[in-house]
């Protein structure tokens, strides 16, 4: 397939056009995004967040997530304060004392946790960031056979109006708008070279929220991950984060880490920590 796509680009002259360039199939880009990830029972992820809880007021939070796509335990800590823990059951973040924060999506955390592109594509389909009809690459009845010069790929390739090239920062990405209904929108953007997911976007009423990811680097067995990401709401950056570490865990390591994180504690989140965490997980 990749040879076919390269032939299409060369025959049609599309690869030389920066704005109207050939748009690679989304499924293949996702395969590249998740290439190199090794199987494990789960991950330990350490994120460092700088959260603007209100204008001019920032809170620094260290998040240690231990788990997999079925759920996890999270340690939250403001430097100098005792840590508190929450459990993520894919539907909500539950804190000691009965407080909970609904989980809007799993598309954010599954980007880090999934070991293959098929898992993540399934998540995007279920949450309407992409539709199945957007995965169709060629017009009905197209069957390239014989001499490639006779394939007429340029005329047979199916162009989707809601899949297009778009810039995120300084990088060209492939934008996929899976849902746009009235005041609701869901879209994701994948780096054109398949290095990573560049953006996850929501539009809800008058609110527009973006998770942007950048600085893609190898994290060993965890595969290639963004080292920097941020949450912007209505044009204002509210959360700026870095990935401090990512470690693939075996079954016994995952069980030990979960048990340690779930030890009884009388610590409840401070008002500052709770306010910051609510912003961090608002679109997660």
C-alpha atoms as a PDB file:
ATOM      1  CA  UNK A   1       0.000   0.000   0.000  1.00  0.00           C
ATOM      2  CA  UNK A   2       2.767   2.473   0.829  1.00  0.00           C
ATOM      3  CA  UNK A   3       4.349   1.797  -2.583  1.00  0.00           C
ATOM      4  CA  UNK A   4       0.972   2.502  -4.170  1.00  0.00           C
ATOM      5  CA  UNK A   5       0.615   5.756  -2.257  1.00  0.00           C
ATOM      6  CA  UNK A   6       4.091   6.882  -3.245  1.00  0.00           C
ATOM      7  CA  UNK A   7       3.297   6.076  -6.871  1.00  0.00           C
ATOM      8  CA  UNK A   8       0.087   8.103  -6.576  1.00  0.00           C
ATOM      9  CA  UNK A   9       1.983  11.091  -5.272  1.00  0.00           C
ATOM     10  CA  UNK A  10       4.644  10.921  -7.983  1.00  0.00           C
ATOM     11  CA  UNK A  11       2.203  10.338 -10.833  1.00  0.00           C
ATOM     12  CA  UNK A  12      -0.152  13.086  -9.730  1.00  0.00           C
ATOM     13  CA  UNK A  13       2.561  15.558  -8.747  1.00  0.00           C
ATOM     14  CA  UNK A  14       0.764  16.100  -5.460  1.00  0.00           C
ATOM     15  CA  UNK A  15       3.638  15.646  -3.039  1.00  0.00           C
ATOM     16  CA  UNK A  16       5.299  18.856  -4.203  1.00  0.00           C
ATOM     17  CA  UNK A  17       2.324  21.034  -3.262  1.00  0.00           C
ATOM     18  CA  UNK A  18       2.523  22.271   0.352  1.00  0.00           C
ATOM     19  CA  UNK A  19      -1.106  23.321   0.744  1.00  0.00           C
ATOM     20  CA  UNK A  20      -2.899  20.865  -1.533  1.00  0.00           C
ATOM     21  CA  UNK A  21      -0.533  17.962  -1.036  1.00  0.00           C
ATOM     22  CA  UNK A  22      -1.655  14.362  -1.102  1.00  0.00           C
ATOM     23  CA  UNK A  23      -3.285  13.490   2.201  1.00  0.00           C
ATOM     24  CA  UNK A  24      -2.027  10.102   3.457  1.00  0.00           C
ATOM     25  CA  UNK A  25      -4.625   7.590   4.694  1.00  0.00           C
ATOM     26  CA  UNK A  26      -5.412   8.196   8.350  1.00  0.00           C
ATOM     27  CA  UNK A  27      -5.165   4.491   9.239  1.00  0.00           C
ATOM     28  CA  UNK A  28      -1.588   4.330   7.939  1.00  0.00           C
ATOM     29  CA  UNK A  29      -0.579   7.503   9.747  1.00  0.00           C
ATOM     30  CA  UNK A  30      -1.884   6.007  12.989  1.00  0.00           C
ATOM     31  CA  UNK A  31       0.140   2.844  12.364  1.00  0.00           C
ATOM     32  CA  UNK A  32       3.248   5.006  12.231  1.00  0.00           C
ATOM     33  CA  UNK A  33       2.227   6.877  15.387  1.00  0.00           C
ATOM     34  CA  UNK A  34       2.046   3.649  17.417  1.00  0.00           C
ATOM     35  CA  UNK A  35       4.969   1.823  15.789  1.00  0.00           C
ATOM     36  CA  UNK A  36       7.596   0.603  18.233  1.00  0.00           C
ATOM     37  CA  UNK A  37       5.405   0.293  21.308  1.00  0.00           C
ATOM     38  CA  UNK A  38       6.150  -2.862  23.308  1.00  0.00           C
ATOM     39  CA  UNK A  39       3.539  -4.998  24.993  1.00  0.00           C
ATOM     40  CA  UNK A  40       3.150  -4.637  28.738  1.00  0.00           C
ATOM     41  CA  UNK A  41       0.489  -4.756  31.414  1.00  0.00           C
ATOM     42  CA  UNK A  42       0.390  -0.989  31.736  1.00  0.00           C
ATOM     43  CA  UNK A  43       2.373   2.219  32.015  1.00  0.00           C
ATOM     44  CA  UNK A  44       3.664   4.514  34.691  1.00  0.00           C
ATOM     45  CA  UNK A  45       3.505   8.073  33.363  1.00  0.00           C
ATOM     46  CA  UNK A  46       4.816  11.126  35.181  1.00  0.00           C
ATOM     47  CA  UNK A  47       3.462  14.469  33.981  1.00  0.00           C
ATOM     48  CA  UNK A  48       4.432  17.914  35.237  1.00  0.00           C
ATOM     49  CA  UNK A  49       1.677  20.486  34.808  1.00  0.00           C
ATOM     50  CA  UNK A  50       1.636  24.260  35.162  1.00  0.00           C
ATOM     51  CA  UNK A  51      -2.023  25.219  35.523  1.00  0.00           C
ATOM     52  CA  UNK A  52      -3.463  28.708  35.199  1.00  0.00           C
ATOM     53  CA  UNK A  53      -6.450  28.350  37.504  1.00  0.00           C
ATOM     54  CA  UNK A  54      -7.356  32.014  36.996  1.00  0.00           C
ATOM     55  CA  UNK A  55      -5.723  35.007  35.377  1.00  0.00           C
ATOM     56  CA  UNK A  56      -2.272  35.506  36.880  1.00  0.00           C
ATOM     57  CA  UNK A  57      -2.583  32.544  39.280  1.00  0.00           C
ATOM     58  CA  UNK A  58      -0.625  29.392  38.473  1.00  0.00           C
ATOM     59  CA  UNK A  59      -0.425  26.057  40.292  1.00  0.00           C
ATOM     60  CA  UNK A  60       2.305  23.473  39.681  1.00  0.00           C
ATOM     61  CA  UNK A  61       1.095  19.863  39.842  1.00  0.00           C
ATOM     62  CA  UNK A  62       2.977  16.581  39.425  1.00  0.00           C
ATOM     63  CA  UNK A  63       0.780  13.711  38.194  1.00  0.00           C
ATOM     64  CA  UNK A  64       1.866  10.066  38.364  1.00  0.00           C
ATOM     65  CA  UNK A  65      -0.513   7.836  36.415  1.00  0.00           C
ATOM     66  CA  UNK A  66      -0.237   4.057  36.862  1.00  0.00           C
ATOM     67  CA  UNK A  67      -2.530   1.818  34.840  1.00  0.00           C
ATOM     68  CA  UNK A  68      -3.790   0.817  31.418  1.00  0.00           C
ATOM     69  CA  UNK A  69      -6.786   1.554  29.176  1.00  0.00           C
ATOM     70  CA  UNK A  70      -9.056  -0.340  31.620  1.00  0.00           C
ATOM     71  CA  UNK A  71      -8.321   2.126  34.419  1.00  0.00           C
ATOM     72  CA  UNK A  72      -5.628   3.438  36.686  1.00  0.00           C
ATOM     73  CA  UNK A  73      -4.534   5.091  39.904  1.00  0.00           C
ATOM     74  CA  UNK A  74      -3.205   8.639  39.900  1.00  0.00           C
ATOM     75  CA  UNK A  75      -1.061  10.423  42.452  1.00  0.00           C
ATOM     76  CA  UNK A  76      -1.483  14.209  42.399  1.00  0.00           C
ATOM     77  CA  UNK A  77       0.941  16.450  44.244  1.00  0.00           C
ATOM     78  CA  UNK A  78       1.686  20.124  44.611  1.00  0.00           C
ATOM     79  CA  UNK A  79       5.394  20.416  45.558  1.00  0.00           C
ATOM     80  CA  UNK A  80       5.685  20.836  49.312  1.00  0.00           C
ATOM     81  CA  UNK A  81       2.272  19.291  50.030  1.00  0.00           C
ATOM     82  CA  UNK A  82       1.282  15.705  50.811  1.00  0.00           C
ATOM     83  CA  UNK A  83       0.141  13.738  47.732  1.00  0.00           C
ATOM     84  CA  UNK A  84      -3.456  12.687  47.188  1.00  0.00           C
ATOM     85  CA  UNK A  85      -4.778   9.867  45.037  1.00  0.00           C
ATOM     86  CA  UNK A  86      -7.633   9.318  42.662  1.00  0.00           C
ATOM     87  CA  UNK A  87      -8.843   6.332  40.692  1.00  0.00           C
ATOM     88  CA  UNK A  88      -9.733   6.561  37.008  1.00  0.00           C
ATOM     89  CA  UNK A  89     -12.271   3.950  35.896  1.00  0.00           C
ATOM     90  CA  UNK A  90     -12.505   5.295  32.283  1.00  0.00           C
ATOM     91  CA  UNK A  91     -15.709   7.149  33.253  1.00  0.00           C
ATOM     92  CA  UNK A  92     -14.608   9.413  36.105  1.00  0.00           C
ATOM     93  CA  UNK A  93     -11.814  10.375  38.466  1.00  0.00           C
ATOM     94  CA  UNK A  94     -12.799   9.404  42.018  1.00  0.00           C
ATOM     95  CA  UNK A  95     -11.104  10.996  45.045  1.00  0.00           C
ATOM     96  CA  UNK A  96     -11.151   9.996  48.675  1.00  0.00           C
ATOM     97  CA  UNK A  97     -14.172  11.435  50.432  1.00  0.00           C
ATOM     98  CA  UNK A  98     -16.564  10.838  47.566  1.00  0.00           C
ATOM     99  CA  UNK A  99     -15.506  13.666  45.261  1.00  0.00           C
ATOM    100  CA  UNK A 100     -15.426  12.773  41.568  1.00  0.00           C
ATOM    101  CA  UNK A 101     -14.710  14.502  38.270  1.00  0.00           C
ATOM    102  CA  UNK A 102     -16.369  13.065  35.140  1.00  0.00           C
ATOM    103  CA  UNK A 103     -14.061  11.825  32.391  1.00  0.00           C
ATOM    104  CA  UNK A 104     -15.093  13.474  29.124  1.00  0.00           C
ATOM    105  CA  UNK A 105     -13.036  11.151  26.899  1.00  0.00           C
ATOM    106  CA  UNK A 106     -10.437   8.410  26.845  1.00  0.00           C
ATOM    107  CA  UNK A 107      -8.878   9.689  23.612  1.00  0.00           C
ATOM    108  CA  UNK A 108      -6.333  11.703  25.607  1.00  0.00           C
ATOM    109  CA  UNK A 109      -4.967   9.051  27.972  1.00  0.00           C
ATOM    110  CA  UNK A 110      -5.364   6.186  25.479  1.00  0.00           C
ATOM    111  CA  UNK A 111      -2.981   8.035  23.169  1.00  0.00           C
ATOM    112  CA  UNK A 112      -0.299   7.329  25.769  1.00  0.00           C
ATOM    113  CA  UNK A 113      -1.535   3.887  26.857  1.00  0.00           C
ATOM    114  CA  UNK A 114      -2.584   2.040  23.690  1.00  0.00           C
ATOM    115  CA  UNK A 115      -0.068  -0.442  22.307  1.00  0.00           C
ATOM    116  CA  UNK A 116      -1.398  -0.457  18.742  1.00  0.00           C
ATOM    117  CA  UNK A 117      -3.172   1.756  16.236  1.00  0.00           C
ATOM    118  CA  UNK A 118      -6.245  -0.499  15.972  1.00  0.00           C
ATOM    119  CA  UNK A 119      -7.066   0.075  19.656  1.00  0.00           C
ATOM    120  CA  UNK A 120      -6.765   3.803  19.280  1.00  0.00           C
ATOM    121  CA  UNK A 121      -8.694   3.927  16.021  1.00  0.00           C
ATOM    122  CA  UNK A 122     -11.517   2.060  17.737  1.00  0.00           C
ATOM    123  CA  UNK A 123     -11.519   4.683  20.498  1.00  0.00           C
ATOM    124  CA  UNK A 124     -11.664   7.529  17.959  1.00  0.00           C
ATOM    125  CA  UNK A 125     -14.550   5.845  16.132  1.00  0.00           C
ATOM    126  CA  UNK A 126     -16.552   5.274  19.311  1.00  0.00           C
ATOM    127  CA  UNK A 127     -16.096   8.864  20.452  1.00  0.00           C
ATOM    128  CA  UNK A 128     -16.865  10.281  16.985  1.00  0.00           C
ATOM    129  CA  UNK A 129     -13.485  11.865  16.333  1.00  0.00           C
ATOM    130  CA  UNK A 130     -13.559   9.942  13.057  1.00  0.00           C
ATOM    131  CA  UNK A 131     -16.247   8.138  11.042  1.00  0.00           C
ATOM    132  CA  UNK A 132     -15.948   4.807   9.253  1.00  0.00           C
ATOM    133  CA  UNK A 133     -16.758   6.373   5.884  1.00  0.00           C
ATOM    134  CA  UNK A 134     -13.659   8.562   6.301  1.00  0.00           C
ATOM    135  CA  UNK A 135     -11.485   5.419   6.216  1.00  0.00           C
ATOM    136  CA  UNK A 136     -12.501   4.603   2.610  1.00  0.00           C
ATOM    137  CA  UNK A 137      -9.559   5.538   0.372  1.00  0.00           C
ATOM    138  CA  UNK A 138     -10.779   4.910  -3.188  1.00  0.00           C
ATOM    139  CA  UNK A 139     -13.957   5.335  -5.184  1.00  0.00           C
ATOM    140  CA  UNK A 140     -16.217   2.237  -5.375  1.00  0.00           C
ATOM    141  CA  UNK A 141     -15.051  -0.345  -7.900  1.00  0.00           C
ATOM    142  CA  UNK A 142     -11.447   0.840  -8.077  1.00  0.00           C
ATOM    143  CA  UNK A 143      -9.086  -2.148  -8.507  1.00  0.00           C
ATOM    144  CA  UNK A 144      -5.535  -1.307  -9.647  1.00  0.00           C
ATOM    145  CA  UNK A 145      -4.169  -4.150 -11.775  1.00  0.00           C
ATOM    146  CA  UNK A 146      -1.360  -4.581 -14.280  1.00  0.00           C
ATOM    147  CA  UNK A 147       0.936  -1.737 -15.293  1.00  0.00           C
ATOM    148  CA  UNK A 148       0.922   1.068 -12.663  1.00  0.00           C
ATOM    149  CA  UNK A 149       0.835   3.584 -15.528  1.00  0.00           C
ATOM    150  CA  UNK A 150      -2.735   2.492 -16.223  1.00  0.00           C
ATOM    151  CA  UNK A 151      -4.021   2.725 -12.651  1.00  0.00           C
ATOM    152  CA  UNK A 152      -5.458   6.257 -12.922  1.00  0.00           C
ATOM    153  CA  UNK A 153      -4.967   6.652  -9.195  1.00  0.00           C
ATOM    154  CA  UNK A 154      -5.263  10.428  -9.280  1.00  0.00           C
ATOM    155  CA  UNK A 155      -8.833  10.228 -10.585  1.00  0.00           C
ATOM    156  CA  UNK A 156      -9.813   7.246  -8.409  1.00  0.00           C
ATOM    157  CA  UNK A 157      -8.558   8.489  -5.056  1.00  0.00           C
ATOM    158  CA  UNK A 158     -11.443   9.542  -2.826  1.00  0.00           C
ATOM    159  CA  UNK A 159     -11.036  13.017  -1.347  1.00  0.00           C
ATOM    160  CA  UNK A 160     -12.942  13.713   1.859  1.00  0.00           C
ATOM    161  CA  UNK A 161     -13.899  17.338   2.453  1.00  0.00           C
ATOM    162  CA  UNK A 162     -13.551  16.824   6.213  1.00  0.00           C
ATOM    163  CA  UNK A 163     -10.013  15.394   5.971  1.00  0.00           C
ATOM    164  CA  UNK A 164      -7.491  18.032   4.957  1.00  0.00           C
ATOM    165  CA  UNK A 165      -4.051  19.480   5.596  1.00  0.00           C
ATOM    166  CA  UNK A 166      -3.803  21.987   8.427  1.00  0.00           C
ATOM    167  CA  UNK A 167      -0.938  23.560  10.351  1.00  0.00           C
ATOM    168  CA  UNK A 168      -0.583  23.035  14.090  1.00  0.00           C
ATOM    169  CA  UNK A 169       2.240  25.240  15.256  1.00  0.00           C
ATOM    170  CA  UNK A 170       4.922  24.986  12.578  1.00  0.00           C
ATOM    171  CA  UNK A 171       3.973  21.484  11.452  1.00  0.00           C
ATOM    172  CA  UNK A 172       1.667  20.335   8.648  1.00  0.00           C
ATOM    173  CA  UNK A 173      -0.887  17.867   9.974  1.00  0.00           C
ATOM    174  CA  UNK A 174      -3.770  15.840   8.605  1.00  0.00           C
ATOM    175  CA  UNK A 175      -6.970  17.167  10.190  1.00  0.00           C
ATOM    176  CA  UNK A 176      -9.917  14.778  10.564  1.00  0.00           C
ATOM    177  CA  UNK A 177     -13.280  16.296  11.530  1.00  0.00           C
ATOM    178  CA  UNK A 178     -15.332  13.365  12.752  1.00  0.00           C
ATOM    179  CA  UNK A 179     -18.289  15.357  14.017  1.00  0.00           C
ATOM    180  CA  UNK A 180     -19.583  18.817  13.193  1.00  0.00           C
ATOM    181  CA  UNK A 181     -23.200  19.185  14.182  1.00  0.00           C
ATOM    182  CA  UNK A 182     -24.479  22.636  15.042  1.00  0.00           C
ATOM    183  CA  UNK A 183     -22.374  23.911  17.936  1.00  0.00           C
ATOM    184  CA  UNK A 184     -20.644  20.555  18.476  1.00  0.00           C
ATOM    185  CA  UNK A 185     -17.368  19.584  16.865  1.00  0.00           C
ATOM    186  CA  UNK A 186     -14.845  16.818  17.409  1.00  0.00           C
ATOM    187  CA  UNK A 187     -11.638  16.559  15.447  1.00  0.00           C
ATOM    188  CA  UNK A 188      -8.119  15.255  15.724  1.00  0.00           C
ATOM    189  CA  UNK A 189      -4.935  16.144  13.905  1.00  0.00           C
ATOM    190  CA  UNK A 190      -2.104  13.711  13.192  1.00  0.00           C
ATOM    191  CA  UNK A 191       1.392  14.730  12.166  1.00  0.00           C
ATOM    192  CA  UNK A 192       1.731  14.347   8.394  1.00  0.00           C
ATOM    193  CA  UNK A 193       4.805  12.143   8.832  1.00  0.00           C
ATOM    194  CA  UNK A 194       2.996   9.992  11.384  1.00  0.00           C
ATOM    195  CA  UNK A 195       5.190  11.066  14.296  1.00  0.00           C
ATOM    196  CA  UNK A 196       2.272  11.590  16.651  1.00  0.00           C
ATOM    197  CA  UNK A 197      -1.162  13.007  17.361  1.00  0.00           C
ATOM    198  CA  UNK A 198      -0.734  16.777  17.134  1.00  0.00           C
ATOM    199  CA  UNK A 199      -4.128  17.932  18.418  1.00  0.00           C
ATOM    200  CA  UNK A 200      -7.423  16.726  19.887  1.00  0.00           C
ATOM    201  CA  UNK A 201     -10.208  19.302  19.533  1.00  0.00           C
ATOM    202  CA  UNK A 202     -13.688  19.845  20.935  1.00  0.00           C
ATOM    203  CA  UNK A 203     -16.294  22.465  20.203  1.00  0.00           C
ATOM    204  CA  UNK A 204     -19.169  22.536  22.695  1.00  0.00           C
ATOM    205  CA  UNK A 205     -21.537  25.487  22.398  1.00  0.00           C
ATOM    206  CA  UNK A 206     -19.432  28.637  22.510  1.00  0.00           C
ATOM    207  CA  UNK A 207     -16.477  26.819  24.054  1.00  0.00           C
ATOM    208  CA  UNK A 208     -13.534  25.550  22.027  1.00  0.00           C
ATOM    209  CA  UNK A 209     -10.894  23.376  23.648  1.00  0.00           C
ATOM    210  CA  UNK A 210      -7.645  22.016  22.231  1.00  0.00           C
ATOM    211  CA  UNK A 211      -5.086  19.543  23.508  1.00  0.00           C
ATOM    212  CA  UNK A 212      -1.893  20.212  21.509  1.00  0.00           C
ATOM    213  CA  UNK A 213       1.018  17.739  21.515  1.00  0.00           C
ATOM    214  CA  UNK A 214       4.570  18.355  20.304  1.00  0.00           C
ATOM    215  CA  UNK A 215       8.258  17.449  20.680  1.00  0.00           C
ATOM    216  CA  UNK A 216       7.746  13.783  19.743  1.00  0.00           C
ATOM    217  CA  UNK A 217      10.588  11.583  20.991  1.00  0.00           C
ATOM    218  CA  UNK A 218      11.270   7.923  21.649  1.00  0.00           C
ATOM    219  CA  UNK A 219      10.446   6.819  25.189  1.00  0.00           C
ATOM    220  CA  UNK A 220      12.017   3.361  24.868  1.00  0.00           C
ATOM    221  CA  UNK A 221       9.516   0.517  25.136  1.00  0.00           C
ATOM    222  CA  UNK A 222       6.682   3.033  25.519  1.00  0.00           C
ATOM    223  CA  UNK A 223       7.249   4.058  21.900  1.00  0.00           C
ATOM    224  CA  UNK A 224       7.307   7.575  20.509  1.00  0.00           C
ATOM    225  CA  UNK A 225       5.486  10.059  22.744  1.00  0.00           C
ATOM    226  CA  UNK A 226       5.024  13.818  22.874  1.00  0.00           C
ATOM    227  CA  UNK A 227       7.265  15.406  25.480  1.00  0.00           C
ATOM    228  CA  UNK A 228       5.182  18.598  25.649  1.00  0.00           C
ATOM    229  CA  UNK A 229       1.425  19.126  25.583  1.00  0.00           C
ATOM    230  CA  UNK A 230      -1.024  21.853  26.519  1.00  0.00           C
ATOM    231  CA  UNK A 231      -4.730  22.578  27.009  1.00  0.00           C
ATOM    232  CA  UNK A 232      -6.129  25.751  25.454  1.00  0.00           C
ATOM    233  CA  UNK A 233      -9.709  26.854  26.119  1.00  0.00           C
ATOM    234  CA  UNK A 234     -11.199  29.672  24.048  1.00  0.00           C
ATOM    235  CA  UNK A 235      -7.764  30.853  22.980  1.00  0.00           C
ATOM    236  CA  UNK A 236      -6.257  30.910  26.493  1.00  0.00           C
ATOM    237  CA  UNK A 237      -3.635  28.342  27.447  1.00  0.00           C
ATOM    238  CA  UNK A 238      -4.776  26.920  30.790  1.00  0.00           C
ATOM    239  CA  UNK A 239      -2.459  23.911  31.204  1.00  0.00           C
ATOM    240  CA  UNK A 240       1.145  23.544  30.020  1.00  0.00           C
ATOM    241  CA  UNK A 241       2.635  20.098  30.598  1.00  0.00           C
ATOM    242  CA  UNK A 242       5.715  17.977  30.056  1.00  0.00           C
ATOM    243  CA  UNK A 243       6.200  14.210  30.125  1.00  0.00           C
ATOM    244  CA  UNK A 244       8.858  13.613  32.779  1.00  0.00           C
ATOM    245  CA  UNK A 245       8.990   9.821  32.313  1.00  0.00           C
ATOM    246  CA  UNK A 246       7.161   6.846  30.802  1.00  0.00           C
ATOM    247  CA  UNK A 247       7.801   3.266  31.875  1.00  0.00           C
ATOM    248  CA  UNK A 248       6.204   0.064  30.594  1.00  0.00           C
ATOM    249  CA  UNK A 249       5.178  -2.136  33.538  1.00  0.00           C
ATOM    250  CA  UNK A 250       4.946  -5.890  33.889  1.00  0.00           C
ATOM    251  CA  UNK A 251       2.024  -7.468  35.726  1.00  0.00           C
ATOM    252  CA  UNK A 252       3.736  -7.615  39.134  1.00  0.00           C
ATOM    253  CA  UNK A 253       5.053  -4.052  38.799  1.00  0.00           C
ATOM    254  CA  UNK A 254       1.587  -2.778  37.924  1.00  0.00           C
ATOM    255  CA  UNK A 255       0.019  -4.595  40.876  1.00  0.00           C
ATOM    256  CA  UNK A 256       2.657  -3.285  43.298  1.00  0.00           C
ATOM    257  CA  UNK A 257       2.310   0.287  42.079  1.00  0.00           C
ATOM    258  CA  UNK A 258      -1.481   0.164  42.282  1.00  0.00           C
ATOM    259  CA  UNK A 259      -1.427  -1.297  45.773  1.00  0.00           C
ATOM    260  CA  UNK A 260       0.975   1.388  47.018  1.00  0.00           C
ATOM    261  CA  UNK A 261      -1.117   4.155  45.501  1.00  0.00           C
ATOM    262  CA  UNK A 262      -4.340   2.810  47.040  1.00  0.00           C
ATOM    263  CA  UNK A 263      -3.071   2.696  50.628  1.00  0.00           C
ATOM    264  CA  UNK A 264      -5.523   4.347  53.041  1.00  0.00           C
ATOM    265  CA  UNK A 265      -4.884   8.051  53.499  1.00  0.00           C
ATOM    266  CA  UNK A 266      -6.613  10.798  55.413  1.00  0.00           C
ATOM    267  CA  UNK A 267      -5.364  13.397  52.956  1.00  0.00           C
ATOM    268  CA  UNK A 268      -7.997  15.204  50.911  1.00  0.00           C
ATOM    269  CA  UNK A 269      -7.069  17.499  48.029  1.00  0.00           C
ATOM    270  CA  UNK A 270      -6.468  21.104  48.996  1.00  0.00           C
ATOM    271  CA  UNK A 271      -8.633  23.716  47.332  1.00  0.00           C
ATOM    272  CA  UNK A 272      -5.726  24.759  45.094  1.00  0.00           C
ATOM    273  CA  UNK A 273      -5.003  21.182  44.040  1.00  0.00           C
ATOM    274  CA  UNK A 274      -8.661  20.364  43.423  1.00  0.00           C
ATOM    275  CA  UNK A 275      -9.121  23.470  41.299  1.00  0.00           C
ATOM    276  CA  UNK A 276      -6.011  22.659  39.265  1.00  0.00           C
ATOM    277  CA  UNK A 277      -6.929  18.995  38.815  1.00  0.00           C
ATOM    278  CA  UNK A 278     -10.401  19.899  37.600  1.00  0.00           C
ATOM    279  CA  UNK A 279      -8.837  21.968  34.838  1.00  0.00           C
ATOM    280  CA  UNK A 280      -6.306  19.269  33.952  1.00  0.00           C
ATOM    281  CA  UNK A 281      -8.928  16.549  33.535  1.00  0.00           C
ATOM    282  CA  UNK A 282     -11.699  18.752  32.134  1.00  0.00           C
ATOM    283  CA  UNK A 283     -11.165  17.366  28.635  1.00  0.00           C
ATOM    284  CA  UNK A 284      -9.734  13.960  29.550  1.00  0.00           C
END
